Each structure stands twice: as C-alpha cells, then as structure tokens.
Amino acid sequence: MATIILENLPDNLVEQIQKLAQQNDQSVNEQIISILQQAVEKPQTLLKFLISPEIDPTWEERRKATPKILAEIRSRRHVNPADFGLPDSTELIREDRDR
C-alpha cells in the first residue's frame, strides 16, 4: 500500500477527524481512508455555473428567448423619481455622507 504524507493540516480539522474516528471506533488512519474512499466513490455533480446544451436540456430554449427578454426590458418606460415628486437619490446619499 502507498503512503501519503499530509502537512500543514489545520488543528481543528485534525480534531474533527479524531472525533469521527472515535465515534466510528476506528483509528485516525482508518477514518481518513474511509473519508477519502467516500469522496472518490461519491458521484461528482456538475457545477451549476457551467451551463451548456450538454448539461441543461432547456439551454437552447432559453438562448432563443434571450433577445425577446432583452427587447422587453429595453421597451420598459424609464422612470424618473423627480416626476413623482421624489428626491434624487444622489442628493440623499450626499446628505448621509455629510452627516
């Protein structure tokens, strides 16, 4: 069997592994092997920020809908708070900073 040497392990991590080993009636070495086996055998989930047609079946539909959504956003009326008698937010921020 191979040997792996780990350096600079945080003390709290070592303590947690020791507690797990004690709870599972194992040595620290056995517990670490168990943790590593679980990590390797566990199916890896795809990262959610990687969106592509291979990963997300709705990707193409959403890609096609993008121009329509952008057009809707751009067609919305721009609202000026002053039209409704509201103060300019930059003035409010300036007042807060000057306090």
Protein backbone atom coordinates (compact mmCIF):
# COMPACT_ATOMS: atom_id res chain seq x y z
CA MET A 1 0.00 0.00 0.00
CA ALA A 2 1.06 3.54 -0.71
CA THR A 3 1.81 6.15 1.90
CA ILE A 4 0.60 9.73 1.73
CA ILE A 5 2.04 12.41 3.97
CA LEU A 6 -0.07 15.50 4.62
CA GLU A 7 1.49 18.64 6.00
CA ASN A 8 0.02 21.81 7.47
CA LEU A 9 -3.34 20.34 8.41
CA PRO A 10 -5.37 22.79 10.47
CA ASP A 11 -5.63 21.73 14.11
CA ASN A 12 -9.42 21.90 14.08
CA LEU A 13 -9.54 19.51 11.09
CA VAL A 14 -7.33 17.01 12.89
CA GLU A 15 -9.56 17.26 15.97
CA GLN A 16 -12.68 16.64 13.87
CA ILE A 17 -11.10 13.59 12.25
CA GLN A 18 -10.05 12.27 15.66
CA LYS A 19 -13.62 12.70 16.96
CA LEU A 20 -15.04 10.92 13.92
CA ALA A 21 -12.57 8.09 14.34
CA GLN A 22 -13.51 7.72 17.99
CA GLN A 23 -17.24 7.79 17.17
CA ASN A 24 -16.79 5.13 14.49
CA ASP A 25 -14.45 3.04 16.64
CA GLN A 26 -11.63 3.40 14.12
CA SER A 27 -8.07 4.60 14.14
CA VAL A 28 -7.38 8.03 12.69
CA ASN A 29 -5.71 6.36 9.71
CA GLU A 30 -8.77 4.15 9.08
CA GLN A 31 -11.05 7.16 9.36
CA ILE A 32 -9.03 9.16 6.84
CA ILE A 33 -9.07 6.22 4.41
CA SER A 34 -12.83 5.97 4.86
CA ILE A 35 -13.30 9.69 4.19
CA LEU A 36 -11.12 9.53 1.08
CA GLN A 37 -12.99 6.46 -0.23
CA GLN A 38 -16.34 8.19 0.24
CA ALA A 39 -15.08 11.30 -1.56
CA VAL A 40 -13.75 9.30 -4.52
CA GLU A 41 -16.73 6.95 -4.83
CA LYS A 42 -19.36 9.65 -4.47
CA PRO A 43 -20.75 10.63 -7.88
CA GLN A 44 -19.48 14.04 -8.83
CA THR A 45 -22.20 16.58 -9.54
CA LEU A 46 -21.76 19.03 -12.36
CA LEU A 47 -21.02 22.58 -11.41
CA LYS A 48 -24.18 24.63 -11.74
CA PHE A 49 -22.47 27.64 -13.27
CA LEU A 50 -21.35 25.57 -16.26
CA ILE A 51 -24.40 25.82 -18.46
CA SER A 52 -24.33 24.28 -21.91
CA PRO A 53 -26.60 22.19 -24.15
CA GLU A 54 -24.88 19.01 -22.94
CA ILE A 55 -25.73 19.75 -19.31
CA ASP A 56 -29.02 21.64 -19.47
CA PRO A 57 -31.77 20.50 -21.88
CA THR A 58 -33.51 23.88 -21.62
CA TRP A 59 -30.38 25.79 -22.61
CA GLU A 60 -31.34 26.16 -26.27
CA GLU A 61 -34.86 27.34 -25.42
CA ARG A 62 -33.50 29.92 -23.01
CA ARG A 63 -30.87 31.04 -25.53
CA LYS A 64 -33.58 31.61 -28.15
CA ALA A 65 -35.72 33.53 -25.65
CA THR A 66 -32.92 35.92 -24.71
CA PRO A 67 -33.47 38.50 -27.50
CA LYS A 68 -37.19 38.69 -26.67
CA ILE A 69 -36.48 39.19 -22.97
CA LEU A 70 -33.89 41.88 -23.71
CA ALA A 71 -36.37 43.66 -26.02
CA GLU A 72 -38.99 43.62 -23.25
CA ILE A 73 -36.52 45.07 -20.77
CA ARG A 74 -35.45 47.80 -23.19
CA SER A 75 -39.06 48.70 -24.00
CA ARG A 76 -39.93 49.39 -20.38
CA ARG A 77 -40.58 53.00 -19.57
CA HIS A 78 -37.70 54.74 -17.86
CA VAL A 79 -38.97 56.29 -14.66
CA ASN A 80 -37.54 59.46 -13.24
CA PRO A 81 -38.22 59.70 -9.50
CA ALA A 82 -38.47 63.51 -9.81
CA ASP A 83 -41.59 63.03 -11.97
CA PHE A 84 -43.30 61.64 -8.89
CA GLY A 85 -42.04 64.30 -6.52
CA LEU A 86 -39.36 62.04 -5.06
CA PRO A 87 -35.90 63.41 -4.21
CA ASP A 88 -32.85 62.48 -6.23
CA SER A 89 -31.10 59.51 -4.62
CA THR A 90 -27.68 61.05 -5.16
CA GLU A 91 -28.73 64.01 -3.04
CA LEU A 92 -29.92 61.68 -0.27
CA ILE A 93 -26.64 59.78 -0.35
CA ARG A 94 -24.68 63.04 -0.27
CA GLU A 95 -26.69 64.18 2.77
CA ASP A 96 -25.94 60.91 4.57
CA ARG A 97 -22.23 61.20 3.82
CA ASP A 98 -22.12 64.78 5.04
CA ARG A 99 -23.58 63.85 8.43
